[in-house]
Amino acid sequence: MILMKEKLYKHAPLVLLLAGLLLWFAALSIDRFYHKQVLVWMPFVIIQLIVSTACGILIRTLYQQVHMDALTGLRNRKYFFAKLSEIKTKTPVSLILIDIDNFKGINDTYGHMVGDHVLHQFGEILQNSTRKNDIIARWGGEEFAVILFHTDTEEAFNIADRIRTVVEDHVFSCETITCKITISIGIASIEEGKDVGTEQFIRVADEALYRAKEKKNYIVIDADCR
């Protein structure tokens, strides 16, 4: 259901434009049948097409604002929860929770503008390090979350370790200021066909993240969901 709504909102301008064209075609057919003057109704059809397209663009923009994080361009927590609740475990699914280590220190040392740049660049790293069908979201503050579809524990660890390594080697920059960061990662996985509630799935991953944060720059896999 969420996916259908997302596609509808995404293509709202096209849908409304096609509806306007359909109206135009209907009006043209009526005109030919009843031999009315085209110039009488043509301006109204053009206005209808313009208004329909503008409304579609507005609908798509509002939908993106509701479901996107403005700073990173990633999905937000609300959208992420909706996606989690729709998961059907016909294939393995993994959840990764990520926390930027000592992010408060970056804000305190360099200022919040640098911190914002770090968050934005980290979001780009996540997008470049995951697959197209994976769902990435800013979980809140300096925490991020990734749903890995068709992914068992071993593959989830490999993806998480790749992200951790890329982040560790990356130099984050804002104007003349540069800095490096590390991340801690918690992983929870659901085996194929196993029914696990959304809250439990999140809780298990969050507990794994909590243990990873105690060591910093570390990955913890929690076995409770297997």
Protein backbone atom coordinates (compact mmCIF):
# COMPACT_ATOMS: atom_id res chain seq x y z
CA MET A 1 0.00 0.00 0.00
CA ILE A 2 2.80 2.44 0.94
CA LEU A 3 4.63 1.62 -2.29
CA MET A 4 1.50 2.25 -4.39
CA LYS A 5 0.91 5.60 -2.68
CA GLU A 6 4.56 6.54 -3.13
CA LYS A 7 4.43 5.85 -6.86
CA LEU A 8 1.16 7.78 -7.18
CA TYR A 9 2.55 10.85 -5.41
CA LYS A 10 5.84 10.62 -7.29
CA HIS A 11 4.09 10.63 -10.66
CA ALA A 12 1.29 13.02 -9.64
CA PRO A 13 2.22 15.69 -12.25
CA LEU A 14 2.09 13.11 -15.06
CA VAL A 15 -1.16 11.56 -13.78
CA LEU A 16 -2.93 14.92 -13.60
CA LEU A 17 -1.51 16.00 -16.95
CA LEU A 18 -2.86 12.83 -18.56
CA ALA A 19 -6.21 13.49 -16.90
CA GLY A 20 -6.19 16.96 -18.43
CA LEU A 21 -5.31 15.57 -21.85
CA LEU A 22 -8.15 13.08 -21.52
CA LEU A 23 -10.50 15.97 -20.79
CA TRP A 24 -9.14 17.79 -23.83
CA PHE A 25 -9.73 14.74 -26.02
CA ALA A 26 -13.28 14.37 -24.69
CA ALA A 27 -14.01 18.03 -25.35
CA LEU A 28 -12.56 17.79 -28.85
CA SER A 29 -14.69 14.74 -29.61
CA ILE A 30 -17.82 16.49 -28.39
CA ASP A 31 -16.92 19.54 -30.45
CA ARG A 32 -16.58 17.50 -33.61
CA PHE A 33 -19.82 15.67 -32.94
CA TYR A 34 -21.88 18.77 -32.19
CA HIS A 35 -19.91 21.08 -34.54
CA LYS A 36 -19.16 23.69 -31.87
CA GLN A 37 -16.42 26.27 -32.15
CA VAL A 38 -13.04 25.02 -30.88
CA LEU A 39 -11.83 28.49 -29.92
CA VAL A 40 -14.64 28.86 -27.39
CA TRP A 41 -13.47 26.11 -25.05
CA MET A 42 -9.75 25.83 -26.02
CA PRO A 43 -8.50 28.45 -23.46
CA PHE A 44 -10.32 26.63 -20.65
CA VAL A 45 -8.69 23.32 -21.57
CA ILE A 46 -5.24 24.93 -21.64
CA ILE A 47 -5.84 26.46 -18.21
CA GLN A 48 -6.99 23.05 -16.95
CA LEU A 49 -3.78 21.42 -18.19
CA ILE A 50 -1.62 24.07 -16.52
CA VAL A 51 -3.49 23.87 -13.22
CA SER A 52 -3.43 20.05 -13.23
CA THR A 53 0.33 19.95 -13.79
CA ALA A 54 0.98 22.59 -11.13
CA CYS A 55 -1.18 20.71 -8.61
CA GLY A 56 0.68 17.50 -9.40
CA ILE A 57 4.04 19.16 -8.77
CA LEU A 58 2.73 20.59 -5.50
CA ILE A 59 1.43 17.20 -4.35
CA ARG A 60 4.75 15.53 -5.12
CA THR A 61 6.69 18.27 -3.32
CA LEU A 62 4.51 18.06 -0.21
CA TYR A 63 4.83 14.27 -0.15
CA GLN A 64 8.61 14.53 -0.31
CA GLN A 65 8.67 17.10 2.48
CA VAL A 66 6.62 14.81 4.72
CA HIS A 67 8.75 11.71 4.10
CA MET A 68 12.24 13.14 3.50
CA ASP A 69 14.89 14.51 5.85
CA ALA A 70 15.67 18.04 4.68
CA LEU A 71 19.33 18.02 5.75
CA THR A 72 20.52 14.72 4.28
CA GLY A 73 17.97 14.09 1.54
CA LEU A 74 17.36 10.62 2.98
CA ARG A 75 14.04 9.19 4.10
CA ASN A 76 12.87 10.20 7.56
CA ARG A 77 11.88 8.12 10.59
CA LYS A 78 8.15 8.21 9.76
CA TYR A 79 8.66 6.75 6.31
CA PHE A 80 11.12 4.19 7.66
CA PHE A 81 8.62 2.93 10.26
CA ALA A 82 5.98 2.55 7.55
CA LYS A 83 8.35 0.48 5.43
CA LEU A 84 9.35 -1.71 8.38
CA SER A 85 5.71 -2.47 9.15
CA GLU A 86 5.20 -3.71 5.57
CA ILE A 87 8.06 -6.20 5.61
CA LYS A 88 7.11 -9.75 4.64
CA THR A 89 9.87 -12.20 5.49
CA LYS A 90 9.61 -14.45 2.46
CA THR A 91 13.34 -13.79 2.15
CA PRO A 92 15.93 -12.81 4.79
CA VAL A 93 15.83 -9.17 5.91
CA SER A 94 18.41 -7.26 7.92
CA LEU A 95 18.26 -3.98 9.80
CA ILE A 96 21.33 -1.82 10.36
CA LEU A 97 21.40 1.00 12.90
CA ILE A 98 24.37 3.38 12.73
CA ASP A 99 25.61 6.02 15.14
CA ILE A 100 28.36 8.57 14.44
CA ASP A 101 30.88 8.30 17.27
CA ASN A 102 31.42 11.44 19.37
CA PHE A 103 29.35 13.61 17.05
CA LYS A 104 28.76 16.09 19.85
CA GLY A 105 32.50 16.68 19.90
CA ILE A 106 32.40 17.72 16.24
CA ASN A 107 29.66 20.25 16.93
CA ASP A 108 31.45 21.57 20.02
CA THR A 109 34.82 21.84 18.27
CA TYR A 110 33.91 23.05 14.80
CA GLY A 111 30.34 24.31 15.12
CA HIS A 112 26.97 23.04 13.97
CA MET A 113 27.50 24.07 10.33
CA VAL A 114 30.39 21.61 10.09
CA GLY A 115 28.28 19.03 11.87
CA ASP A 116 25.53 19.49 9.29
CA HIS A 117 28.02 18.99 6.47
CA VAL A 118 29.25 15.79 8.12
CA LEU A 119 25.69 14.46 8.34
CA HIS A 120 25.00 15.35 4.70
CA GLN A 121 28.23 13.76 3.43
CA PHE A 122 27.65 10.69 5.56
CA GLY A 123 24.21 10.33 3.99
CA GLU A 124 25.85 10.36 0.56
CA ILE A 125 28.26 7.64 1.66
CA LEU A 126 25.34 5.48 2.76
CA GLN A 127 23.60 5.96 -0.59
CA ASN A 128 26.78 5.04 -2.48
CA SER A 129 27.51 2.02 -0.28
CA THR A 130 24.10 0.35 -0.43
CA ARG A 131 21.89 -1.03 -3.14
CA LYS A 132 19.11 0.74 -4.99
CA ASN A 133 16.28 -1.21 -3.32
CA ASP A 134 17.63 -0.75 0.23
CA ILE A 135 15.82 1.81 2.39
CA ILE A 136 18.07 4.41 4.05
CA ALA A 137 16.80 6.88 6.63
CA ARG A 138 18.04 9.39 9.12
CA TRP A 139 16.86 7.77 12.34
CA GLY A 140 17.34 10.91 14.41
CA GLY A 141 20.21 13.21 15.32
CA GLU A 142 23.42 11.44 14.30
CA GLU A 143 21.77 8.02 14.00
CA PHE A 144 20.88 6.38 10.69
CA ALA A 145 19.05 3.21 9.71
CA VAL A 146 19.13 0.90 6.69
CA ILE A 147 16.74 -1.89 5.71
CA LEU A 148 18.56 -4.54 3.68
CA PHE A 149 16.10 -6.68 1.75
CA HIS A 150 17.04 -10.23 0.67
CA THR A 151 20.04 -10.02 3.00
CA ASP A 152 21.12 -12.54 5.63
CA THR A 153 23.35 -11.83 8.63
CA GLU A 154 26.63 -12.55 6.88
CA GLU A 155 25.89 -10.32 3.91
CA ALA A 156 24.58 -7.59 6.22
CA PHE A 157 27.85 -7.67 8.14
CA ASN A 158 29.84 -7.36 4.90
CA ILE A 159 27.80 -4.32 3.85
CA ALA A 160 28.11 -2.76 7.31
CA ASP A 161 31.86 -3.35 7.40
CA ARG A 162 32.23 -1.78 3.96
CA ILE A 163 30.36 1.31 5.16
CA ARG A 164 32.47 1.46 8.33
CA THR A 165 35.71 1.26 6.34
CA VAL A 166 34.67 3.89 3.79
CA VAL A 167 33.67 6.29 6.58
CA GLU A 168 36.89 5.68 8.49
CA ASP A 169 38.98 6.51 5.40
CA HIS A 170 36.88 9.48 4.28
CA VAL A 171 37.93 13.07 4.96
CA PHE A 172 34.85 15.16 5.75
CA SER A 173 35.12 18.81 4.79
CA CYS A 174 33.33 22.13 5.21
CA GLU A 175 35.04 25.09 3.56
CA THR A 176 38.57 25.09 5.05
CA ILE A 177 37.79 22.69 7.90
CA THR A 178 38.40 18.95 7.59
CA CYS A 179 37.78 16.14 10.03
CA LYS A 180 37.51 12.37 10.24
CA ILE A 181 34.92 10.27 12.02
CA THR A 182 34.16 6.70 12.96
CA ILE A 183 30.82 4.95 13.33
CA SER A 184 29.31 2.20 15.45
CA ILE A 185 26.86 -0.28 13.93
CA GLY A 186 24.24 -2.64 15.28
CA ILE A 187 22.74 -5.39 13.11
CA ALA A 188 19.60 -7.49 13.48
CA SER A 189 18.46 -10.07 10.93
CA ILE A 190 15.25 -12.00 10.35
CA GLU A 191 15.47 -15.42 8.78
CA GLU A 192 13.32 -16.38 5.83
CA GLY A 193 9.74 -17.09 6.87
CA LYS A 194 10.18 -16.04 10.50
CA ASP A 195 7.59 -13.65 11.92
CA VAL A 196 9.12 -10.87 14.04
CA GLY A 197 7.26 -7.73 15.07
CA THR A 198 8.50 -4.31 14.03
CA GLU A 199 9.17 -3.15 17.59
CA GLN A 200 11.15 -6.28 18.43
CA PHE A 201 13.16 -5.97 15.22
CA ILE A 202 14.12 -2.40 16.11
CA ARG A 203 14.77 -3.25 19.76
CA VAL A 204 17.20 -6.03 18.86
CA ALA A 205 19.12 -3.82 16.43
CA ASP A 206 19.14 -0.97 18.95
CA GLU A 207 20.58 -3.22 21.66
CA ALA A 208 23.30 -4.33 19.26
CA LEU A 209 24.07 -0.69 18.46
CA TYR A 210 24.25 0.16 22.16
CA ARG A 211 26.92 -2.51 22.69
CA ALA A 212 28.82 -1.35 19.60
CA LYS A 213 28.85 2.25 20.86
CA GLU A 214 30.53 1.12 24.07
CA LYS A 215 33.60 0.13 22.02
CA LYS A 216 33.38 2.76 19.23
CA ASN A 217 34.11 2.06 15.55
CA TYR A 218 32.66 -1.40 16.04
CA ILE A 219 29.99 -3.71 14.61
CA VAL A 220 27.74 -5.88 16.78
CA ILE A 221 25.36 -8.53 15.44
CA ASP A 222 22.49 -9.53 17.70
CA ALA A 223 21.30 -13.11 17.25
CA ASP A 224 17.86 -12.75 18.88
CA CYS A 225 16.02 -12.30 15.58
CA ARG A 226 17.58 -15.23 13.80
